[in-house]
Amino acid sequence: MKAVPILIAAVAVVLIRLGLRRRRTSSRSRPDRRRTSSRSRPDRLLTGALGRVHLGNTGLVAAREIHERIRSRMFRAVTLVLLLVVAAAVIVPTLHSGAAATTTNVGIVAGSPSLRTELEVLARSAGVKVDLVSVPDDSRARAALSSGQLDVVVEGGGAILVNAPVSAADASPAARYVRAVSQTLGVERAFARAGLSPQQAAIVSRARPLPVESLQPGKTGRTTSEATALLGVVLIFVVLTQYLTWTLMGVMEEKASRVVEVLLATVRPIQLLAGKVIGIGAVALAQAAALVAFAFLLGAAVGSSLVRGTAPLVVAATLVWLVLGYAFYSWVYAAAGSLAERQDQVQSLVLPLSAPLIFGYLVSLIGVSSGNVSLLVKVLAYLPPTAPFAMPTLVGFGEATWWQFLLSAVACLASTLAVALAAARVYRAAVLQTGGRVRLRGLIRRSTI
């Protein structure tokens, strides 16, 4: 089950990459059409129906971004595929558990009523559904066993027959039931040979193992919280990878098509940048909330155990850090998009920007998958670039108190403010410079002169 969330992340990242590549190909094949529509789009949105609503310039830009992202084919395709993957992750374990509850056909040869009752009791204790069938003799029982009509045959003398050998590693319903019947009937035969009375045999059979006590207190509910934290870390990574890349590509495409020049004639650079970040972030949060709600509703409908015991606190922490993580990284990616105006220039920017994000994701994923929170995860939980992954992991393991969570969130918000101010300066200085990639070192040098 732990491989399912990792598969979700891999599928989503591949889809995002393929979508960006397709988008790049279509933009190269139809440059004039895209530029014409892009140049007319700001005027329609800024002077149309939205212009009559007092949202402010930042709100108008955010509404424009929300409108454009929701209408894009990439958004719809990725959302549809993620919904399908989530549905598979919820439904497939249910089908597997339903298959495990198939009926085991058991034949009884010359058995007493007490044997039938005992076989039914063993089936209930083993969690296996059985259908007991009386067979007249051994030959008919063996024929029914060979043809597949029966799974197990219990003879009145105590022998147990199966069609194929049952290994110790076999976890099928029939194998579990065969081992339980074999052990129980073998113990009863030993009681009879020892000459124990039925009362004495009953006392021995009801023997319970001695309780095992530990000096250190144990933790409860870790399994549920850890599973929720695992899904939360993967969800944060998928959403951030998708929408941060869209933020960078959106800024770069507006600069390359000169749409930004039209927009900056109406709004200030900080308003344009903030509107873009807020608009794309609202779409990201809406998509993440839709995936979570879909998983819960589908899980409740099919009775899946994947979301039945989900820890609400970990879900809330995941959504909080999804917002904080996007708020921190979105300014960086937007500023980086203003430095480039071609796809080949973007590739050299994405790797260094995504390095801390990928590092925090991998460390947190390894920690939550292994069931052991390392010291490194605890340290990364207080560093803004990696806290969106590490802190939900600590919450899932019960290793973070409310004040530690608040301290990490405050540190992330303070860092986000500083990053936003720096990103706004870079964006204002670089977004109108064309003719090649703008070097950040050159911007810093000019700003200090």
Protein backbone atom coordinates (compact mmCIF):
# COMPACT_ATOMS: atom_id res chain seq x y z
CA MET A 1 0.00 0.00 0.00
CA LYS A 2 2.89 2.37 0.60
CA ALA A 3 3.84 2.10 -3.05
CA VAL A 4 0.49 3.53 -4.19
CA PRO A 5 1.14 7.18 -3.12
CA ILE A 6 4.62 7.05 -4.64
CA LEU A 7 3.05 5.83 -7.88
CA ILE A 8 0.62 8.75 -7.76
CA ALA A 9 3.51 11.21 -7.47
CA ALA A 10 5.42 9.59 -10.32
CA VAL A 11 2.40 9.56 -12.65
CA ALA A 12 1.56 13.19 -11.88
CA VAL A 13 5.11 14.44 -12.45
CA VAL A 14 5.35 12.58 -15.76
CA LEU A 15 2.02 14.04 -16.88
CA ILE A 16 3.15 17.54 -15.96
CA ARG A 17 6.36 17.13 -17.96
CA LEU A 18 4.51 15.74 -20.96
CA GLY A 19 1.96 18.52 -20.80
CA LEU A 20 4.65 21.19 -20.70
CA ARG A 21 6.42 19.57 -23.65
CA ARG A 22 3.15 19.45 -25.62
CA ARG A 23 2.47 23.04 -24.71
CA ARG A 24 5.92 24.03 -25.93
CA THR A 25 5.41 22.21 -29.24
CA SER A 26 2.02 23.80 -29.88
CA SER A 27 3.36 27.26 -29.06
CA ARG A 28 6.17 26.83 -31.58
CA SER A 29 3.85 25.64 -34.33
CA ARG A 30 1.27 28.44 -33.82
CA PRO A 31 3.15 31.56 -32.58
CA ASP A 32 1.05 34.14 -34.39
CA ARG A 33 -2.28 32.79 -33.16
CA ARG A 34 -1.13 32.63 -29.57
CA ARG A 35 0.31 36.10 -29.59
CA THR A 36 -2.78 37.61 -31.12
CA SER A 37 -5.10 36.00 -28.60
CA SER A 38 -2.74 36.77 -25.72
CA ARG A 39 -2.51 40.43 -26.64
CA SER A 40 -6.29 40.83 -26.74
CA ARG A 41 -6.97 38.80 -23.61
CA PRO A 42 -5.79 41.35 -20.97
CA ASP A 43 -7.92 44.10 -22.46
CA ARG A 44 -11.01 41.90 -22.41
CA LEU A 45 -10.46 40.79 -18.82
CA LEU A 46 -9.41 44.13 -17.41
CA THR A 47 -12.18 46.12 -19.09
CA GLY A 48 -14.92 43.49 -19.24
CA ALA A 49 -17.42 42.28 -16.68
CA LEU A 50 -14.74 41.77 -14.02
CA GLY A 51 -13.76 45.40 -14.33
CA ARG A 52 -17.13 46.41 -12.95
CA VAL A 53 -16.39 44.52 -9.72
CA HIS A 54 -14.30 46.40 -7.20
CA LEU A 55 -11.63 43.73 -6.80
CA GLY A 56 -8.62 45.97 -7.26
CA ASN A 57 -5.85 45.37 -9.75
CA THR A 58 -4.42 42.44 -7.82
CA GLY A 59 -7.83 40.81 -7.65
CA LEU A 60 -8.38 41.31 -11.37
CA VAL A 61 -5.06 39.65 -12.20
CA ALA A 62 -5.85 36.79 -9.81
CA ALA A 63 -9.26 36.32 -11.42
CA ARG A 64 -7.59 36.29 -14.83
CA GLU A 65 -5.17 33.57 -13.71
CA ILE A 66 -7.94 31.46 -12.21
CA HIS A 67 -9.96 31.80 -15.40
CA GLU A 68 -7.04 30.86 -17.64
CA ARG A 69 -5.83 27.89 -15.57
CA ILE A 70 -9.25 26.31 -15.19
CA ARG A 71 -9.91 26.63 -18.92
CA SER A 72 -6.59 25.06 -19.92
CA ARG A 73 -6.57 21.51 -21.26
CA MET A 74 -3.52 20.69 -19.16
CA PHE A 75 -5.38 21.46 -15.95
CA ARG A 76 -8.36 19.35 -16.93
CA ALA A 77 -6.21 16.45 -18.09
CA VAL A 78 -4.06 16.40 -14.96
CA THR A 79 -7.10 16.73 -12.70
CA LEU A 80 -8.86 13.87 -14.47
CA VAL A 81 -5.84 11.58 -14.28
CA LEU A 82 -5.25 12.38 -10.61
CA LEU A 83 -8.90 11.62 -9.84
CA LEU A 84 -8.55 8.29 -11.64
CA VAL A 85 -5.37 7.44 -9.76
CA VAL A 86 -6.97 8.37 -6.43
CA ALA A 87 -10.00 6.25 -7.33
CA ALA A 88 -7.74 3.31 -8.10
CA ALA A 89 -5.86 3.77 -4.82
CA VAL A 90 -9.16 3.72 -2.91
CA ILE A 91 -11.01 0.98 -4.81
CA VAL A 92 -8.24 -1.56 -5.56
CA PRO A 93 -7.58 -2.44 -1.88
CA THR A 94 -11.32 -2.87 -1.42
CA LEU A 95 -11.48 -5.33 -4.31
CA HIS A 96 -8.51 -7.18 -2.88
CA SER A 97 -10.10 -7.44 0.54
CA GLY A 98 -13.35 -8.55 -1.07
CA ALA A 99 -11.52 -11.28 -2.94
CA ALA A 100 -9.96 -12.41 0.32
CA ALA A 101 -13.44 -12.99 1.75
CA THR A 102 -14.44 -15.69 -0.77
CA THR A 103 -16.13 -18.82 0.52
CA THR A 104 -14.03 -21.92 1.24
CA ASN A 105 -15.83 -25.15 0.46
CA VAL A 106 -15.11 -27.79 3.12
CA GLY A 107 -16.18 -31.40 2.77
CA ILE A 108 -16.78 -33.58 5.87
CA VAL A 109 -16.55 -37.36 5.63
CA ALA A 110 -18.26 -39.32 8.41
CA GLY A 111 -18.06 -36.42 10.78
CA SER A 112 -19.96 -35.97 14.00
CA PRO A 113 -22.17 -32.92 14.71
CA SER A 114 -19.56 -31.70 17.18
CA LEU A 115 -16.93 -31.70 14.43
CA ARG A 116 -19.16 -29.57 12.22
CA THR A 117 -19.74 -27.11 15.04
CA GLU A 118 -16.02 -26.96 15.75
CA LEU A 119 -15.18 -26.30 12.11
CA GLU A 120 -17.67 -23.42 12.05
CA VAL A 121 -16.13 -21.93 15.21
CA LEU A 122 -12.64 -22.18 13.70
CA ALA A 123 -13.87 -20.45 10.55
CA ARG A 124 -15.26 -17.51 12.54
CA SER A 125 -12.09 -17.18 14.62
CA ALA A 126 -9.93 -17.25 11.47
CA GLY A 127 -12.15 -14.71 9.70
CA VAL A 128 -12.94 -17.12 6.87
CA LYS A 129 -16.33 -17.85 5.36
CA VAL A 130 -16.86 -21.60 4.87
CA ASP A 131 -19.50 -23.80 3.32
CA LEU A 132 -19.62 -27.21 5.04
CA VAL A 133 -20.72 -30.09 2.80
CA SER A 134 -21.28 -33.69 3.93
CA VAL A 135 -19.65 -36.29 1.65
CA PRO A 136 -20.61 -40.00 1.85
CA ASP A 137 -17.14 -41.54 1.41
CA ASP A 138 -13.46 -40.81 0.74
CA SER A 139 -13.57 -41.59 -3.00
CA ARG A 140 -16.27 -39.02 -3.72
CA ALA A 141 -14.50 -36.51 -1.50
CA ARG A 142 -11.23 -36.97 -3.41
CA ALA A 143 -13.04 -36.63 -6.74
CA ALA A 144 -14.74 -33.40 -5.64
CA LEU A 145 -11.40 -32.11 -4.35
CA SER A 146 -9.64 -32.88 -7.64
CA SER A 147 -12.35 -31.21 -9.72
CA GLY A 148 -12.29 -28.04 -7.62
CA GLN A 149 -15.74 -28.42 -6.11
CA LEU A 150 -14.17 -28.66 -2.65
CA ASP A 151 -11.18 -26.78 -1.24
CA VAL A 152 -10.63 -28.86 1.89
CA VAL A 153 -11.78 -32.31 3.05
CA VAL A 154 -11.86 -33.28 6.73
CA GLU A 155 -12.22 -36.98 7.43
CA GLY A 156 -13.90 -38.29 10.53
CA GLY A 157 -10.68 -40.01 11.57
CA GLY A 158 -8.84 -36.69 11.68
CA ALA A 159 -7.07 -36.60 8.28
CA ILE A 160 -7.16 -33.37 6.28
CA LEU A 161 -6.99 -33.50 2.47
CA VAL A 162 -6.14 -30.71 0.03
CA ASN A 163 -5.64 -30.79 -3.71
CA ALA A 164 -2.26 -28.99 -3.70
CA PRO A 165 0.38 -28.62 -0.98
CA VAL A 166 -0.15 -25.70 1.42
CA SER A 167 3.03 -23.75 2.14
CA ALA A 168 3.67 -21.72 5.26
CA ALA A 169 3.83 -18.52 3.17
CA ASP A 170 0.41 -19.10 1.55
CA ALA A 171 -2.00 -16.45 2.89
CA SER A 172 -5.10 -17.52 0.96
CA PRO A 173 -8.36 -18.17 2.88
CA ALA A 174 -8.19 -21.91 2.31
CA ALA A 175 -4.57 -22.09 3.47
CA ARG A 176 -5.29 -20.12 6.64
CA TYR A 177 -8.25 -22.31 7.43
CA VAL A 178 -6.34 -25.53 6.76
CA ARG A 179 -3.58 -24.52 9.18
CA ALA A 180 -6.11 -23.56 11.87
CA VAL A 181 -8.03 -26.83 11.52
CA SER A 182 -4.85 -28.88 11.43
CA GLN A 183 -3.50 -27.31 14.62
CA THR A 184 -6.78 -27.49 16.55
CA LEU A 185 -7.64 -31.09 15.62
CA GLY A 186 -4.06 -32.13 16.30
CA VAL A 187 -4.24 -30.67 19.82
CA GLU A 188 -7.53 -32.46 20.47
CA ARG A 189 -6.07 -35.77 19.34
CA ALA A 190 -3.13 -35.23 21.70
CA PHE A 191 -5.56 -34.57 24.56
CA ALA A 192 -7.39 -37.81 23.83
CA ARG A 193 -4.19 -39.85 23.72
CA ALA A 194 -3.06 -38.30 27.02
CA GLY A 195 -6.23 -39.53 28.66
CA LEU A 196 -7.55 -36.10 29.62
CA SER A 197 -11.18 -35.76 30.41
CA PRO A 198 -13.29 -33.34 28.36
CA GLN A 199 -13.26 -30.86 31.25
CA GLN A 200 -9.48 -31.02 31.54
CA ALA A 201 -9.04 -30.71 27.78
CA ALA A 202 -11.33 -27.66 27.75
CA ILE A 203 -9.22 -25.99 30.47
CA VAL A 204 -6.01 -26.60 28.55
CA SER A 205 -7.50 -25.45 25.24
CA ARG A 206 -8.62 -22.18 26.82
CA ALA A 207 -5.10 -21.40 28.01
CA ARG A 208 -4.02 -17.85 27.19
CA PRO A 209 -0.51 -16.50 26.80
CA LEU A 210 0.91 -14.44 29.64
CA PRO A 211 0.67 -10.66 29.18
CA VAL A 212 3.84 -8.84 28.12
CA GLU A 213 4.42 -5.51 29.84
CA SER A 214 6.90 -2.82 28.76
CA LEU A 215 8.66 -0.26 30.88
CA GLN A 216 8.32 2.46 28.23
CA PRO A 217 4.81 3.69 27.34
CA GLY A 218 3.63 2.84 23.86
CA LYS A 219 2.08 5.18 21.28
CA THR A 220 -1.40 4.66 19.95
CA GLY A 221 -2.83 5.48 16.56
CA ARG A 222 0.54 5.74 14.82
CA THR A 223 -0.39 3.49 11.94
CA THR A 224 -3.35 5.63 10.86
CA SER A 225 -1.47 8.91 11.27
CA GLU A 226 1.58 7.63 9.45
CA ALA A 227 -0.50 6.46 6.49
CA THR A 228 -2.22 9.85 6.35
CA ALA A 229 1.13 11.66 6.58
CA LEU A 230 2.49 9.55 3.72
CA LEU A 231 -0.42 10.49 1.48
CA GLY A 232 -0.13 14.13 2.59
CA VAL A 233 3.58 14.39 1.73
CA VAL A 234 2.94 12.95 -1.73
CA LEU A 235 -0.03 15.30 -2.28
CA ILE A 236 2.06 18.36 -1.35
CA PHE A 237 4.85 17.30 -3.69
CA VAL A 238 2.51 16.65 -6.64
CA VAL A 239 0.61 19.92 -6.27
CA LEU A 240 3.71 22.06 -5.69
CA THR A 241 5.56 20.49 -8.62
CA GLN A 242 2.64 21.15 -10.94
CA TYR A 243 1.69 24.68 -9.97
CA LEU A 244 5.12 26.09 -9.31
CA THR A 245 6.12 25.01 -12.80
CA TRP A 246 2.99 26.65 -14.18
CA THR A 247 3.86 29.86 -12.33
CA LEU A 248 7.32 29.97 -13.87
CA MET A 249 6.04 29.10 -17.33
CA GLY A 250 3.23 31.67 -17.13
CA VAL A 251 5.62 34.52 -16.31
CA MET A 252 8.06 33.42 -18.99
CA GLU A 253 5.37 33.16 -21.69
CA GLU A 254 3.92 36.58 -20.85
CA LYS A 255 7.38 38.09 -21.14
CA ALA A 256 8.15 36.29 -24.40
CA SER A 257 4.85 37.27 -26.04
CA ARG A 258 5.07 40.88 -24.75
CA VAL A 259 1.71 40.52 -22.99
CA VAL A 260 3.35 41.78 -19.83
CA GLU A 261 3.96 45.15 -21.49
CA VAL A 262 0.22 45.56 -22.02
CA LEU A 263 -0.54 44.50 -18.46
CA LEU A 264 2.05 46.79 -16.91
CA ALA A 265 0.42 49.73 -18.64
CA THR A 266 -2.58 49.13 -16.36
CA VAL A 267 -1.22 47.59 -13.16
CA ARG A 268 1.96 47.89 -11.15
CA PRO A 269 4.56 45.08 -11.25
CA ILE A 270 3.94 44.06 -7.63
CA GLN A 271 0.19 43.89 -8.29
CA LEU A 272 0.71 41.77 -11.38
CA LEU A 273 3.10 39.43 -9.60
CA ALA A 274 0.91 39.10 -6.50
CA GLY A 275 -2.20 38.51 -8.59
CA LYS A 276 -0.50 35.75 -10.54
CA VAL A 277 0.74 34.05 -7.37
CA ILE A 278 -2.65 34.33 -5.62
CA GLY A 279 -4.64 33.18 -8.65
CA ILE A 280 -2.55 30.09 -9.37
CA GLY A 281 -2.40 29.31 -5.63
CA ALA A 282 -6.19 29.41 -5.38
CA VAL A 283 -6.46 26.91 -8.24
CA ALA A 284 -3.84 24.68 -6.59
CA LEU A 285 -5.65 24.69 -3.24
CA ALA A 286 -8.98 24.02 -4.93
CA GLN A 287 -7.56 21.04 -6.82
CA ALA A 288 -5.95 19.61 -3.68
CA ALA A 289 -9.15 20.04 -1.67
CA ALA A 290 -11.12 18.40 -4.47
CA LEU A 291 -8.79 15.39 -4.47
CA VAL A 292 -9.04 15.00 -0.70
CA ALA A 293 -12.83 15.35 -0.73
CA PHE A 294 -13.13 12.89 -3.61
CA ALA A 295 -10.99 10.35 -1.76
CA PHE A 296 -13.11 10.67 1.39
CA LEU A 297 -16.45 10.45 -0.43
CA LEU A 298 -15.38 7.52 -2.59
CA GLY A 299 -13.81 5.75 0.39
CA ALA A 300 -17.01 6.11 2.38
CA ALA A 301 -19.09 4.87 -0.56
CA VAL A 302 -17.06 1.70 -1.19
CA GLY A 303 -16.05 1.10 2.43
CA SER A 304 -12.33 1.49 1.82
CA SER A 305 -9.99 1.21 4.79
CA LEU A 306 -7.51 3.60 3.14
CA VAL A 307 -9.40 6.71 4.28
CA ARG A 308 -11.65 5.21 6.96
CA GLY A 309 -9.19 5.87 9.76
CA THR A 310 -7.58 9.00 8.34
CA ALA A 311 -6.35 11.34 11.05
CA PRO A 312 -8.15 14.73 10.69
CA LEU A 313 -5.29 16.59 12.37
CA VAL A 314 -2.78 15.34 9.81
CA VAL A 315 -5.13 16.23 6.95
CA ALA A 316 -5.46 19.77 8.31
CA ALA A 317 -1.68 20.06 8.73
CA THR A 318 -1.20 18.87 5.14
CA LEU A 319 -3.51 21.53 3.71
CA VAL A 320 -1.93 24.25 5.88
CA TRP A 321 1.57 23.39 4.74
CA LEU A 322 0.44 23.08 1.15
CA VAL A 323 -0.58 26.74 1.31
CA LEU A 324 2.58 27.78 3.16
CA GLY A 325 4.82 25.81 0.82
CA TYR A 326 3.26 27.33 -2.25
CA ALA A 327 3.41 30.81 -0.74
CA PHE A 328 7.14 30.41 -0.12
CA TYR A 329 8.16 28.87 -3.45
CA SER A 330 5.76 30.68 -5.79
CA TRP A 331 7.56 34.03 -5.44
CA VAL A 332 10.88 32.39 -6.23
CA TYR A 333 9.54 30.61 -9.31
CA ALA A 334 7.75 33.74 -10.54
CA ALA A 335 10.91 35.81 -10.24
CA ALA A 336 12.88 33.08 -12.02
CA GLY A 337 10.36 33.13 -14.87
CA SER A 338 11.04 36.83 -15.41
CA LEU A 339 14.70 36.02 -16.06
CA ALA A 340 13.99 33.84 -19.11
CA GLU A 341 11.98 34.09 -22.30
CA ARG A 342 12.64 30.68 -23.95
CA GLN A 343 12.08 27.06 -22.95
CA ASP A 344 15.76 26.14 -23.09
CA GLN A 345 16.52 28.90 -20.59
CA VAL A 346 13.85 27.59 -18.22
CA GLN A 347 15.50 24.18 -17.93
CA SER A 348 18.64 25.68 -16.40
CA LEU A 349 16.52 27.52 -13.81
CA VAL A 350 14.24 24.71 -12.69
CA LEU A 351 16.91 22.34 -11.33
CA PRO A 352 18.49 24.66 -8.72
CA LEU A 353 15.09 25.96 -7.69
CA SER A 354 13.60 22.50 -7.20
CA ALA A 355 16.66 21.01 -5.44
CA PRO A 356 15.59 21.93 -1.86
CA LEU A 357 12.00 20.94 -2.64
CA ILE A 358 13.03 17.50 -3.90
CA PHE A 359 15.48 17.02 -1.03
CA GLY A 360 12.83 17.78 1.61
CA TYR A 361 10.35 15.50 -0.14
CA LEU A 362 12.71 12.53 -0.39
CA VAL A 363 13.93 12.79 3.20
CA SER A 364 10.39 13.08 4.54
CA LEU A 365 9.11 10.28 2.30
CA ILE A 366 11.88 7.94 3.45
CA GLY A 367 11.20 8.82 7.07
CA VAL A 368 7.45 8.29 6.94
CA SER A 369 7.80 5.10 4.86
CA SER A 370 10.35 3.55 7.23
CA GLY A 371 8.24 4.39 10.29
CA ASN A 372 11.11 6.22 11.97
CA VAL A 373 11.50 9.99 12.16
CA SER A 374 15.19 10.82 12.01
CA LEU A 375 16.95 13.83 13.50
CA LEU A 376 17.35 15.23 9.98
CA VAL A 377 13.57 15.34 9.50
CA LYS A 378 13.17 17.17 12.81
CA VAL A 379 15.73 19.77 11.73
CA LEU A 380 14.22 20.19 8.25
CA ALA A 381 10.82 20.84 9.85
CA TYR A 382 12.02 24.30 10.93
CA LEU A 383 13.66 25.31 7.65
CA PRO A 384 11.17 27.07 5.32
CA PRO A 385 12.30 25.34 2.06
CA THR A 386 11.78 21.84 3.55
CA ALA A 387 9.20 22.45 6.31
CA PRO A 388 6.18 21.83 4.00
CA PHE A 389 7.19 18.16 3.86
CA ALA A 390 8.93 17.58 7.19
CA MET A 391 6.40 19.21 9.53
CA PRO A 392 3.37 17.16 8.32
CA THR A 393 5.57 14.09 8.82
CA LEU A 394 6.23 15.07 12.44
CA VAL A 395 2.53 15.71 12.96
CA GLY A 396 1.73 12.27 11.59
CA PHE A 397 4.16 10.66 14.03
CA GLY A 398 2.97 12.75 16.95
CA GLU A 399 6.42 14.32 17.29
CA ALA A 400 5.32 17.96 16.97
CA THR A 401 3.50 19.98 19.62
CA TRP A 402 1.22 22.91 18.83
CA TRP A 403 3.86 25.51 19.64
CA GLN A 404 6.47 23.76 17.49
CA PHE A 405 3.99 23.70 14.60
CA LEU A 406 3.24 27.39 15.14
CA LEU A 407 6.94 28.27 15.41
CA SER A 408 7.70 26.58 12.11
CA ALA A 409 4.71 28.26 10.44
CA VAL A 410 5.73 31.71 11.70
CA ALA A 411 9.29 31.16 10.48
CA CYS A 412 7.94 30.15 7.07
CA LEU A 413 5.67 33.20 6.88
CA ALA A 414 8.50 35.57 7.83
CA SER A 415 10.76 33.99 5.21
CA THR A 416 7.96 34.19 2.64
CA LEU A 417 7.65 37.95 3.25
CA ALA A 418 11.38 38.44 2.74
CA VAL A 419 11.38 36.24 -0.38
CA ALA A 420 8.36 38.10 -1.77
CA LEU A 421 10.07 41.49 -1.42
CA ALA A 422 13.23 40.22 -3.11
CA ALA A 423 11.24 38.47 -5.86
CA ALA A 424 9.27 41.65 -6.55
CA ARG A 425 12.51 43.61 -7.08
CA VAL A 426 13.86 40.96 -9.45
CA TYR A 427 10.57 40.77 -11.35
CA ARG A 428 10.29 44.53 -11.72
CA ALA A 429 13.83 44.80 -13.06
CA ALA A 430 13.87 41.75 -15.35
CA VAL A 431 10.40 41.25 -16.77
CA LEU A 432 10.74 43.96 -19.44
CA GLN A 433 14.29 43.04 -20.48
CA THR A 434 14.25 40.97 -23.67
CA GLY A 435 16.80 39.65 -26.11
CA GLY A 436 18.20 36.83 -23.96
CA ARG A 437 18.27 35.43 -20.48
CA VAL A 438 18.72 38.04 -17.76
CA ARG A 439 21.49 37.22 -15.32
CA LEU A 440 20.58 37.57 -11.66
CA ARG A 441 24.13 38.60 -10.83
CA GLY A 442 23.86 41.50 -13.28
CA LEU A 443 20.60 42.66 -11.69
CA ILE A 444 22.12 42.63 -8.24
CA ARG A 445 25.17 44.53 -9.45
CA ARG A 446 23.06 47.21 -11.11
CA SER A 447 20.81 47.56 -8.07
CA THR A 448 23.81 48.15 -5.78
CA ILE A 449 25.41 50.78 -7.99
